[in-house]
Amino acid sequence: MEEKDIINPETAEQVENTQNGAENAPEVEIEPISELDQAKADLADQKDKFLRLMAEFDNYKRRTAKERMELIQTAGKDVIVSLLDVLDDCDRAEKQLNTSDDIKVQKEGIQLVFNKIRSTMQAKGLVAMESIGKDFDVELHEAITEVPVPNDKQKGKVIDEVTKGYLLNEKIIRFAKVVVGK
C-alpha cells in the first residue's frame, strides 16, 4: 500500500508560508497518513452514521406504532358521533310510545327514526346490495338453500333475501344470505 501525503490543517499554514518563500517560517515536517488510518477513520464515520440511522428508524417505528394505536382506538368515533342524533331520536320515540296510544303516529315516528339511521349510514359510505331477481354470484351472495322454481327463467337467480348484504365504500363488508332457485 502506498502512503498518501495529507497535511494536517494545523500545519497547512506553516507549509504554505514555507512554499511561498517566507523567510521566518520554521520548517515543518509533513506527517503522511497511511491508507489504513484513513480507512479506520472512514469506518468510524460510517459506524456513527449507521448508529444514528438505526436510532432514527427505531424512533420512527415507535411513533408510527403509537399513531396506529390511536387511530384504531378512535376509528369508530366518526360513525358513533353521527349516530348520536339517531340515538336521541330513538329515546324520543320510546318516550312517545309510552305516552301515546295512537298507533299511526307511533308508526310514523319509528319510520322517521329508521329513515334517519339509513341516511346516516349511507352518508358514511354504506350501501345495501340489491339481490332479489339477480343472478346468483358467489362473490356477493351466500346461498343458504335452493328451492325448486316453476319456470326456467328463475333458475340460478336469487329468489329471496334472508339477510341483506352491504358494501362500504364499494367494498363488501357483509355478504347477502339468499335463497337460490334450482
N, C-alpha and C. Protein backbone atom coordinates (compact mmCIF):
# COMPACT_ATOMS: atom_id res chain seq x y z
N MET A 1 0.83 -1.18 0.00
CA MET A 1 0.00 0.00 0.00
C MET A 1 0.87 1.25 0.00
N GLU A 2 0.41 2.25 -0.70
CA GLU A 2 1.15 3.50 -0.74
C GLU A 2 0.68 4.40 0.38
N GLU A 3 1.51 5.29 0.76
CA GLU A 3 1.13 6.29 1.74
C GLU A 3 0.81 7.57 1.02
N LYS A 4 -0.27 8.21 1.41
CA LYS A 4 -0.66 9.48 0.81
C LYS A 4 -0.16 10.60 1.70
N ASP A 5 0.25 11.66 1.10
CA ASP A 5 0.70 12.81 1.87
C ASP A 5 -0.49 13.72 2.09
N ILE A 6 -1.00 13.68 3.28
CA ILE A 6 -2.10 14.53 3.66
C ILE A 6 -1.62 15.45 4.76
N ILE A 7 -1.86 16.72 4.58
CA ILE A 7 -1.36 17.71 5.53
C ILE A 7 -2.39 17.94 6.60
N ASN A 8 -1.95 17.95 7.82
CA ASN A 8 -2.84 18.27 8.94
C ASN A 8 -3.22 19.74 8.82
N PRO A 9 -4.43 20.12 9.14
CA PRO A 9 -4.87 21.50 9.00
C PRO A 9 -4.06 22.49 9.83
N GLU A 10 -3.54 22.05 10.97
CA GLU A 10 -2.78 22.94 11.84
C GLU A 10 -1.48 23.38 11.19
N THR A 11 -0.88 22.49 10.44
CA THR A 11 0.42 22.80 9.85
C THR A 11 0.31 23.29 8.42
N ALA A 12 -0.91 23.36 7.87
CA ALA A 12 -1.08 23.76 6.49
C ALA A 12 -0.60 25.18 6.25
N GLU A 13 -0.89 26.09 7.17
CA GLU A 13 -0.48 27.48 7.01
C GLU A 13 1.03 27.61 7.04
N GLN A 14 1.68 26.88 7.93
CA GLN A 14 3.13 26.94 8.03
C GLN A 14 3.79 26.41 6.76
N VAL A 15 3.25 25.34 6.20
CA VAL A 15 3.80 24.76 4.98
C VAL A 15 3.61 25.74 3.83
N GLU A 16 2.44 26.39 3.78
CA GLU A 16 2.16 27.35 2.72
C GLU A 16 3.13 28.52 2.80
N ASN A 17 3.39 28.99 4.01
CA ASN A 17 4.33 30.09 4.19
C ASN A 17 5.72 29.68 3.71
N THR A 18 6.11 28.46 3.98
CA THR A 18 7.41 27.97 3.56
C THR A 18 7.48 27.90 2.04
N GLN A 19 6.42 27.44 1.40
CA GLN A 19 6.41 27.31 -0.06
C GLN A 19 6.36 28.67 -0.73
N ASN A 20 5.77 29.66 -0.09
CA ASN A 20 5.69 31.00 -0.68
C ASN A 20 6.96 31.81 -0.46
N GLY A 21 7.90 31.23 0.16
CA GLY A 21 9.17 31.91 0.34
C GLY A 21 9.26 32.72 1.60
N ALA A 22 8.44 32.46 2.55
CA ALA A 22 8.53 33.20 3.81
C ALA A 22 9.82 32.80 4.49
N GLU A 23 10.60 33.81 4.83
CA GLU A 23 11.92 33.53 5.36
C GLU A 23 11.91 33.16 6.84
N ASN A 24 10.96 33.69 7.57
CA ASN A 24 10.96 33.47 9.01
C ASN A 24 10.18 32.22 9.42
N ALA A 25 9.51 31.58 8.50
CA ALA A 25 8.68 30.42 8.85
C ALA A 25 9.56 29.22 9.16
N PRO A 26 9.25 28.56 10.25
CA PRO A 26 10.03 27.37 10.59
C PRO A 26 9.66 26.22 9.65
N GLU A 27 10.59 25.35 9.47
CA GLU A 27 10.32 24.20 8.63
C GLU A 27 9.46 23.22 9.41
N VAL A 28 8.46 22.70 8.71
CA VAL A 28 7.52 21.76 9.33
C VAL A 28 7.62 20.45 8.61
N GLU A 29 7.63 19.43 9.38
CA GLU A 29 7.70 18.10 8.80
C GLU A 29 6.27 17.63 8.52
N ILE A 30 5.99 17.17 7.31
CA ILE A 30 4.65 16.71 6.92
C ILE A 30 4.53 15.24 7.32
N GLU A 31 3.44 14.97 8.09
CA GLU A 31 3.22 13.60 8.53
C GLU A 31 2.27 12.90 7.57
N PRO A 32 2.71 11.89 6.91
CA PRO A 32 1.81 11.19 6.00
C PRO A 32 0.84 10.31 6.79
N ILE A 33 -0.42 10.27 6.32
CA ILE A 33 -1.43 9.40 6.94
C ILE A 33 -1.56 8.17 6.05
N SER A 34 -1.44 7.03 6.65
CA SER A 34 -1.48 5.81 5.86
C SER A 34 -2.92 5.52 5.42
N GLU A 35 -3.06 4.69 4.41
CA GLU A 35 -4.39 4.31 3.92
C GLU A 35 -5.16 3.57 5.00
N LEU A 36 -4.45 2.83 5.82
CA LEU A 36 -5.09 2.09 6.91
C LEU A 36 -5.71 3.05 7.90
N ASP A 37 -5.00 4.11 8.27
CA ASP A 37 -5.55 5.09 9.21
C ASP A 37 -6.75 5.80 8.58
N GLN A 38 -6.64 6.10 7.29
CA GLN A 38 -7.75 6.74 6.58
C GLN A 38 -8.98 5.83 6.56
N ALA A 39 -8.76 4.54 6.29
CA ALA A 39 -9.86 3.57 6.25
C ALA A 39 -10.50 3.44 7.63
N LYS A 40 -9.68 3.46 8.68
CA LYS A 40 -10.21 3.39 10.04
C LYS A 40 -11.09 4.61 10.35
N ALA A 41 -10.64 5.77 9.91
CA ALA A 41 -11.42 6.99 10.14
C ALA A 41 -12.74 6.93 9.37
N ASP A 42 -12.69 6.46 8.13
CA ASP A 42 -13.90 6.32 7.32
C ASP A 42 -14.86 5.31 7.94
N LEU A 43 -14.32 4.20 8.44
CA LEU A 43 -15.14 3.17 9.08
C LEU A 43 -15.82 3.72 10.33
N ALA A 44 -15.10 4.47 11.13
CA ALA A 44 -15.68 5.06 12.34
C ALA A 44 -16.80 6.03 11.96
N ASP A 45 -16.58 6.80 10.90
CA ASP A 45 -17.61 7.74 10.43
C ASP A 45 -18.85 6.98 9.95
N GLN A 46 -18.65 5.91 9.21
CA GLN A 46 -19.78 5.11 8.71
C GLN A 46 -20.53 4.43 9.86
N LYS A 47 -19.81 3.95 10.86
CA LYS A 47 -20.46 3.34 12.02
C LYS A 47 -21.33 4.35 12.74
N ASP A 48 -20.82 5.57 12.88
CA ASP A 48 -21.57 6.63 13.53
C ASP A 48 -22.85 6.93 12.75
N LYS A 49 -22.73 7.06 11.43
CA LYS A 49 -23.91 7.31 10.59
C LYS A 49 -24.91 6.17 10.71
N PHE A 50 -24.41 4.93 10.72
CA PHE A 50 -25.29 3.77 10.83
C PHE A 50 -26.04 3.76 12.15
N LEU A 51 -25.34 4.03 13.24
CA LEU A 51 -25.98 4.05 14.56
C LEU A 51 -27.05 5.14 14.64
N ARG A 52 -26.76 6.30 14.08
CA ARG A 52 -27.74 7.39 14.08
C ARG A 52 -28.96 7.01 13.24
N LEU A 53 -28.72 6.38 12.10
CA LEU A 53 -29.82 5.95 11.24
C LEU A 53 -30.69 4.90 11.93
N MET A 54 -30.07 3.96 12.61
CA MET A 54 -30.82 2.93 13.34
C MET A 54 -31.65 3.56 14.47
N ALA A 55 -31.08 4.51 15.17
CA ALA A 55 -31.81 5.18 16.25
C ALA A 55 -32.99 5.94 15.68
N GLU A 56 -32.78 6.61 14.55
CA GLU A 56 -33.86 7.35 13.92
C GLU A 56 -34.96 6.41 13.44
N PHE A 57 -34.57 5.25 12.91
CA PHE A 57 -35.55 4.26 12.45
C PHE A 57 -36.35 3.70 13.63
N ASP A 58 -35.68 3.42 14.74
CA ASP A 58 -36.39 2.94 15.93
C ASP A 58 -37.40 3.97 16.42
N ASN A 59 -37.03 5.23 16.41
CA ASN A 59 -37.95 6.30 16.81
C ASN A 59 -39.14 6.35 15.85
N TYR A 60 -38.88 6.20 14.56
CA TYR A 60 -39.95 6.19 13.56
C TYR A 60 -40.92 5.03 13.82
N LYS A 61 -40.38 3.84 14.09
CA LYS A 61 -41.24 2.68 14.35
C LYS A 61 -42.11 2.91 15.58
N ARG A 62 -41.51 3.43 16.65
CA ARG A 62 -42.28 3.71 17.86
C ARG A 62 -43.38 4.73 17.61
N ARG A 63 -43.05 5.79 16.89
CA ARG A 63 -44.01 6.86 16.61
C ARG A 63 -45.16 6.33 15.75
N THR A 64 -44.85 5.57 14.71
CA THR A 64 -45.93 5.05 13.85
C THR A 64 -46.79 4.02 14.58
N ALA A 65 -46.18 3.22 15.44
CA ALA A 65 -46.97 2.26 16.23
C ALA A 65 -47.94 2.99 17.15
N LYS A 66 -47.46 4.07 17.76
CA LYS A 66 -48.32 4.86 18.65
C LYS A 66 -49.46 5.51 17.86
N GLU A 67 -49.13 6.08 16.70
CA GLU A 67 -50.17 6.70 15.86
C GLU A 67 -51.19 5.67 15.40
N ARG A 68 -50.72 4.48 15.08
CA ARG A 68 -51.63 3.42 14.64
C ARG A 68 -52.58 3.00 15.75
N MET A 69 -52.06 2.88 16.96
CA MET A 69 -52.91 2.52 18.10
C MET A 69 -53.96 3.60 18.34
N GLU A 70 -53.56 4.86 18.24
CA GLU A 70 -54.52 5.96 18.42
C GLU A 70 -55.58 5.93 17.34
N LEU A 71 -55.18 5.63 16.11
CA LEU A 71 -56.13 5.55 15.00
C LEU A 71 -57.12 4.41 15.21
N ILE A 72 -56.63 3.27 15.65
CA ILE A 72 -57.51 2.12 15.90
C ILE A 72 -58.50 2.44 17.01
N GLN A 73 -58.03 3.10 18.05
CA GLN A 73 -58.91 3.41 19.18
C GLN A 73 -59.98 4.41 18.82
N THR A 74 -59.71 5.31 17.89
CA THR A 74 -60.68 6.35 17.54
C THR A 74 -61.29 6.15 16.15
N ALA A 75 -61.07 4.99 15.53
CA ALA A 75 -61.56 4.76 14.17
C ALA A 75 -63.08 4.85 14.08
N GLY A 76 -63.79 4.35 15.06
CA GLY A 76 -65.24 4.35 15.03
C GLY A 76 -65.87 5.63 15.55
N LYS A 77 -65.06 6.54 16.04
CA LYS A 77 -65.57 7.76 16.66
C LYS A 77 -66.46 8.55 15.71
N ASP A 78 -66.04 8.68 14.47
CA ASP A 78 -66.79 9.47 13.48
C ASP A 78 -68.19 8.89 13.27
N VAL A 79 -68.27 7.58 13.13
CA VAL A 79 -69.57 6.94 12.92
C VAL A 79 -70.43 7.05 14.18
N ILE A 80 -69.84 6.83 15.33
CA ILE A 80 -70.60 6.89 16.58
C ILE A 80 -71.14 8.30 16.82
N VAL A 81 -70.34 9.31 16.55
CA VAL A 81 -70.80 10.69 16.72
C VAL A 81 -71.98 10.97 15.80
N SER A 82 -71.92 10.47 14.56
CA SER A 82 -73.03 10.70 13.64
C SER A 82 -74.29 9.92 14.04
N LEU A 83 -74.12 8.84 14.76
CA LEU A 83 -75.28 8.05 15.19
C LEU A 83 -75.90 8.57 16.50
N LEU A 84 -75.24 9.50 17.16
CA LEU A 84 -75.80 10.04 18.41
C LEU A 84 -77.14 10.74 18.17
N ASP A 85 -77.29 11.43 17.03
CA ASP A 85 -78.58 12.06 16.70
C ASP A 85 -79.67 11.01 16.56
N VAL A 86 -79.33 9.89 15.95
CA VAL A 86 -80.30 8.81 15.79
C VAL A 86 -80.67 8.23 17.16
N LEU A 87 -79.68 8.09 18.02
CA LEU A 87 -79.95 7.59 19.37
C LEU A 87 -80.88 8.53 20.12
N ASP A 88 -80.67 9.84 19.97
CA ASP A 88 -81.57 10.82 20.59
C ASP A 88 -83.00 10.66 20.06
N ASP A 89 -83.13 10.44 18.74
CA ASP A 89 -84.45 10.21 18.15
C ASP A 89 -85.08 8.94 18.68
N CYS A 90 -84.28 7.91 18.90
CA CYS A 90 -84.80 6.66 19.47
C CYS A 90 -85.34 6.90 20.88
N ASP A 91 -84.61 7.67 21.65
CA ASP A 91 -85.07 7.99 23.01
C ASP A 91 -86.40 8.75 22.98
N ARG A 92 -86.51 9.72 22.07
CA ARG A 92 -87.76 10.47 21.95
C ARG A 92 -88.90 9.56 21.49
N ALA A 93 -88.60 8.65 20.56
CA ALA A 93 -89.64 7.73 20.08
C ALA A 93 -90.10 6.80 21.20
N GLU A 94 -89.16 6.33 22.00
CA GLU A 94 -89.52 5.46 23.12
C GLU A 94 -90.40 6.20 24.12
N LYS A 95 -90.06 7.44 24.39
CA LYS A 95 -90.85 8.26 25.30
C LYS A 95 -92.27 8.46 24.75
N GLN A 96 -92.36 8.69 23.44
CA GLN A 96 -93.66 8.88 22.79
C GLN A 96 -94.47 7.59 22.82
N LEU A 97 -93.81 6.45 22.64
CA LEU A 97 -94.51 5.16 22.69
C LEU A 97 -95.16 4.94 24.06
N ASN A 98 -94.48 5.38 25.10
CA ASN A 98 -95.00 5.18 26.46
C ASN A 98 -96.14 6.15 26.80
N THR A 99 -96.24 7.28 26.12
CA THR A 99 -97.26 8.27 26.47
C THR A 99 -98.43 8.31 25.50
N SER A 100 -98.27 7.81 24.29
CA SER A 100 -99.33 7.91 23.28
C SER A 100 -99.89 6.54 22.95
N ASP A 101 -101.21 6.54 22.64
CA ASP A 101 -101.87 5.30 22.24
C ASP A 101 -102.20 5.29 20.75
N ASP A 102 -101.90 6.35 20.04
CA ASP A 102 -102.20 6.45 18.62
C ASP A 102 -101.15 5.68 17.83
N ILE A 103 -101.54 4.52 17.32
CA ILE A 103 -100.63 3.63 16.60
C ILE A 103 -100.09 4.28 15.32
N LYS A 104 -100.92 5.03 14.64
CA LYS A 104 -100.50 5.65 13.38
C LYS A 104 -99.36 6.64 13.62
N VAL A 105 -99.45 7.46 14.64
CA VAL A 105 -98.42 8.44 14.98
C VAL A 105 -97.13 7.72 15.41
N GLN A 106 -97.30 6.63 16.16
CA GLN A 106 -96.13 5.87 16.60
C GLN A 106 -95.39 5.26 15.41
N LYS A 107 -96.13 4.72 14.46
CA LYS A 107 -95.52 4.13 13.27
C LYS A 107 -94.76 5.19 12.47
N GLU A 108 -95.36 6.35 12.32
CA GLU A 108 -94.70 7.44 11.58
C GLU A 108 -93.40 7.86 12.27
N GLY A 109 -93.42 7.96 13.59
CA GLY A 109 -92.22 8.35 14.34
C GLY A 109 -91.12 7.32 14.21
N ILE A 110 -91.49 6.06 14.33
CA ILE A 110 -90.49 4.99 14.21
C ILE A 110 -89.93 4.95 12.79
N GLN A 111 -90.79 5.16 11.79
CA GLN A 111 -90.33 5.18 10.40
C GLN A 111 -89.34 6.32 10.17
N LEU A 112 -89.58 7.46 10.80
CA LEU A 112 -88.64 8.58 10.69
C LEU A 112 -87.27 8.22 11.27
N VAL A 113 -87.27 7.51 12.39
CA VAL A 113 -86.01 7.08 13.00
C VAL A 113 -85.29 6.10 12.08
N PHE A 114 -86.03 5.14 11.50
CA PHE A 114 -85.42 4.17 10.58
C PHE A 114 -84.81 4.88 9.37
N ASN A 115 -85.53 5.84 8.82
CA ASN A 115 -85.03 6.57 7.66
C ASN A 115 -83.78 7.38 8.01
N LYS A 116 -83.77 7.93 9.20
CA LYS A 116 -82.61 8.74 9.62
C LYS A 116 -81.37 7.86 9.78
N ILE A 117 -81.54 6.69 10.36
CA ILE A 117 -80.37 5.80 10.52
C ILE A 117 -79.88 5.33 9.16
N ARG A 118 -80.78 5.03 8.24
CA ARG A 118 -80.36 4.62 6.89
C ARG A 118 -79.61 5.74 6.18
N SER A 119 -80.11 6.96 6.28
CA SER A 119 -79.44 8.08 5.60
C SER A 119 -78.09 8.40 6.24
N THR A 120 -77.98 8.25 7.55
CA THR A 120 -76.71 8.48 8.23
C THR A 120 -75.68 7.44 7.79
N MET A 121 -76.08 6.20 7.70
CA MET A 121 -75.17 5.14 7.28
C MET A 121 -74.76 5.33 5.81
N GLN A 122 -75.70 5.74 4.97
CA GLN A 122 -75.37 5.98 3.56
C GLN A 122 -74.39 7.14 3.43
N ALA A 123 -74.53 8.14 4.28
CA ALA A 123 -73.60 9.28 4.24
C ALA A 123 -72.18 8.84 4.60
N LYS A 124 -72.06 7.77 5.36
CA LYS A 124 -70.74 7.24 5.73
C LYS A 124 -70.22 6.23 4.71
N GLY A 125 -70.96 6.00 3.62
CA GLY A 125 -70.48 5.13 2.55
C GLY A 125 -71.10 3.75 2.53
N LEU A 126 -72.10 3.48 3.36
CA LEU A 126 -72.73 2.18 3.41
C LEU A 126 -73.83 2.10 2.35
N VAL A 127 -73.79 1.03 1.55
CA VAL A 127 -74.80 0.82 0.52
C VAL A 127 -75.30 -0.61 0.62
N ALA A 128 -76.64 -0.77 0.60
CA ALA A 128 -77.23 -2.10 0.65
C ALA A 128 -77.20 -2.71 -0.76
N MET A 129 -76.90 -4.01 -0.83
CA MET A 129 -76.89 -4.71 -2.12
C MET A 129 -78.32 -5.03 -2.53
N GLU A 130 -78.57 -4.93 -3.82
CA GLU A 130 -79.84 -5.37 -4.38
C GLU A 130 -79.61 -6.77 -4.94
N SER A 131 -80.29 -7.76 -4.38
CA SER A 131 -80.02 -9.15 -4.76
C SER A 131 -81.20 -9.85 -5.40
N ILE A 132 -82.41 -9.57 -4.97
CA ILE A 132 -83.58 -10.33 -5.42
C ILE A 132 -83.77 -10.15 -6.92
N GLY A 133 -83.91 -11.30 -7.62
CA GLY A 133 -84.13 -11.30 -9.05
C GLY A 133 -82.84 -11.28 -9.87
N LYS A 134 -81.72 -11.14 -9.23
CA LYS A 134 -80.43 -11.10 -9.94
C LYS A 134 -79.81 -12.49 -9.96
N ASP A 135 -78.87 -12.69 -10.87
CA ASP A 135 -78.15 -13.96 -10.94
C ASP A 135 -77.36 -14.18 -9.65
N PHE A 136 -77.30 -15.44 -9.21
CA PHE A 136 -76.52 -15.78 -8.02
C PHE A 136 -75.05 -15.58 -8.34
N ASP A 137 -74.34 -14.85 -7.47
CA ASP A 137 -72.92 -14.57 -7.65
C ASP A 137 -72.20 -14.92 -6.35
N VAL A 138 -71.29 -15.88 -6.42
CA VAL A 138 -70.59 -16.31 -5.20
C VAL A 138 -69.72 -15.21 -4.62
N GLU A 139 -69.39 -14.20 -5.41
CA GLU A 139 -68.58 -13.08 -4.92
C GLU A 139 -69.41 -12.12 -4.06
N LEU A 140 -70.74 -12.17 -4.21
CA LEU A 140 -71.62 -11.24 -3.50
C LEU A 140 -72.59 -11.94 -2.55
N HIS A 141 -72.94 -13.18 -2.88
CA HIS A 141 -74.01 -13.87 -2.15
C HIS A 141 -73.51 -15.11 -1.45
N GLU A 142 -74.23 -15.45 -0.39
CA GLU A 142 -74.01 -16.70 0.32
C GLU A 142 -75.33 -17.46 0.27
N ALA A 143 -75.34 -18.58 -0.44
CA ALA A 143 -76.57 -19.34 -0.62
C ALA A 143 -76.87 -20.13 0.65
N ILE A 144 -78.07 -19.93 1.17
CA ILE A 144 -78.49 -20.67 2.35
C ILE A 144 -79.17 -21.97 1.93
N THR A 145 -79.99 -21.86 0.90
CA THR A 145 -80.71 -23.03 0.40
C THR A 145 -81.10 -22.81 -1.05
N GLU A 146 -81.48 -23.89 -1.69
CA GLU A 146 -82.02 -23.84 -3.05
C GLU A 146 -83.44 -24.35 -3.01
N VAL A 147 -84.30 -23.69 -3.76
CA VAL A 147 -85.70 -24.11 -3.81
C VAL A 147 -86.09 -24.33 -5.28
N PRO A 148 -86.98 -25.29 -5.51
CA PRO A 148 -87.44 -25.50 -6.89
C PRO A 148 -88.29 -24.32 -7.34
N VAL A 149 -88.15 -23.93 -8.61
CA VAL A 149 -88.91 -22.80 -9.16
C VAL A 149 -89.78 -23.29 -10.32
N PRO A 150 -90.92 -22.62 -10.54
CA PRO A 150 -91.85 -23.09 -11.56
C PRO A 150 -91.37 -22.87 -13.00
N ASN A 151 -90.56 -21.87 -13.26
CA ASN A 151 -90.12 -21.66 -14.64
C ASN A 151 -88.59 -21.60 -14.73
N ASP A 152 -88.07 -21.81 -15.93
CA ASP A 152 -86.62 -21.86 -16.13
C ASP A 152 -85.95 -20.50 -16.00
N LYS A 153 -86.69 -19.41 -16.14
CA LYS A 153 -86.11 -18.07 -16.05
C LYS A 153 -85.58 -17.77 -14.64
N GLN A 154 -86.16 -18.42 -13.65
CA GLN A 154 -85.76 -18.15 -12.26
C GLN A 154 -84.64 -19.08 -11.78
N LYS A 155 -84.26 -20.06 -12.59
CA LYS A 155 -83.17 -20.97 -12.18
C LYS A 155 -81.86 -20.20 -12.13
N GLY A 156 -81.12 -20.38 -11.02
CA GLY A 156 -79.83 -19.71 -10.84
C GLY A 156 -79.96 -18.26 -10.40
N LYS A 157 -81.19 -17.83 -10.15
CA LYS A 157 -81.42 -16.44 -9.71
C LYS A 157 -81.75 -16.43 -8.22
N VAL A 158 -81.56 -15.27 -7.61
CA VAL A 158 -81.89 -15.09 -6.19
C VAL A 158 -83.39 -14.93 -6.08
N ILE A 159 -84.02 -15.82 -5.32
CA ILE A 159 -85.47 -15.81 -5.14
C ILE A 159 -85.86 -14.98 -3.92
N ASP A 160 -85.10 -15.14 -2.85
CA ASP A 160 -85.41 -14.43 -1.60
C ASP A 160 -84.10 -14.02 -0.93
N GLU A 161 -84.18 -12.98 -0.13
CA GLU A 161 -83.01 -12.48 0.60
C GLU A 161 -83.31 -12.61 2.09
N VAL A 162 -82.55 -13.48 2.76
CA VAL A 162 -82.74 -13.69 4.19
C VAL A 162 -82.05 -12.57 4.98
N THR A 163 -80.84 -12.24 4.60
CA THR A 163 -80.08 -11.17 5.23
C THR A 163 -79.46 -10.31 4.14
N LYS A 164 -79.63 -8.99 4.24
CA LYS A 164 -79.08 -8.08 3.23
C LYS A 164 -77.56 -8.09 3.28
N GLY A 165 -76.99 -7.88 2.11
CA GLY A 165 -75.55 -7.70 2.01
C GLY A 165 -75.26 -6.21 1.94
N TYR A 166 -74.06 -5.81 2.38
CA TYR A 166 -73.71 -4.39 2.40
C TYR A 166 -72.31 -4.16 1.84
N LEU A 167 -72.18 -3.00 1.19
CA LEU A 167 -70.90 -2.52 0.69
C LEU A 167 -70.55 -1.25 1.47
N LEU A 168 -69.30 -1.13 1.85
CA LEU A 168 -68.82 0.09 2.49
C LEU A 168 -67.75 0.66 1.59
N ASN A 169 -68.05 1.83 1.00
CA ASN A 169 -67.16 2.46 0.04
C ASN A 169 -66.75 1.49 -1.06
N GLU A 170 -67.74 0.82 -1.61
CA GLU A 170 -67.62 -0.12 -2.73
C GLU A 170 -66.84 -1.39 -2.38
N LYS A 171 -66.69 -1.70 -1.12
CA LYS A 171 -66.03 -2.93 -0.68
C LYS A 171 -67.03 -3.73 0.14
N ILE A 172 -67.12 -5.02 -0.13
CA ILE A 172 -68.08 -5.87 0.57
C ILE A 172 -67.69 -6.00 2.03
N ILE A 173 -68.66 -5.68 2.91
CA ILE A 173 -68.41 -5.89 4.34
C ILE A 173 -69.30 -6.99 4.90
N ARG A 174 -70.38 -7.32 4.15
CA ARG A 174 -71.22 -8.46 4.53
C ARG A 174 -71.88 -9.02 3.29
N PHE A 175 -71.75 -10.33 3.12
CA PHE A 175 -72.38 -11.00 2.00
C PHE A 175 -73.88 -11.13 2.24
N ALA A 176 -74.65 -11.10 1.16
CA ALA A 176 -76.09 -11.29 1.28
C ALA A 176 -76.37 -12.78 1.42
N LYS A 177 -77.20 -13.15 2.40
CA LYS A 177 -77.60 -14.54 2.57
C LYS A 177 -78.91 -14.70 1.81
N VAL A 178 -78.89 -15.59 0.80
CA VAL A 178 -80.01 -15.66 -0.13
C VAL A 178 -80.50 -17.08 -0.35
N VAL A 179 -81.71 -17.14 -0.93
CA VAL A 179 -82.30 -18.41 -1.38
C VAL A 179 -82.23 -18.38 -2.90
N VAL A 180 -81.72 -19.47 -3.47
CA VAL A 180 -81.49 -19.53 -4.91
C VAL A 180 -82.47 -20.53 -5.54
N GLY A 181 -82.95 -20.19 -6.75
CA GLY A 181 -83.84 -21.10 -7.48
C GLY A 181 -83.07 -22.18 -8.21
N LYS A 182 -83.65 -23.42 -8.20
CA LYS A 182 -82.98 -24.51 -8.95
C LYS A 182 -83.95 -25.18 -9.89
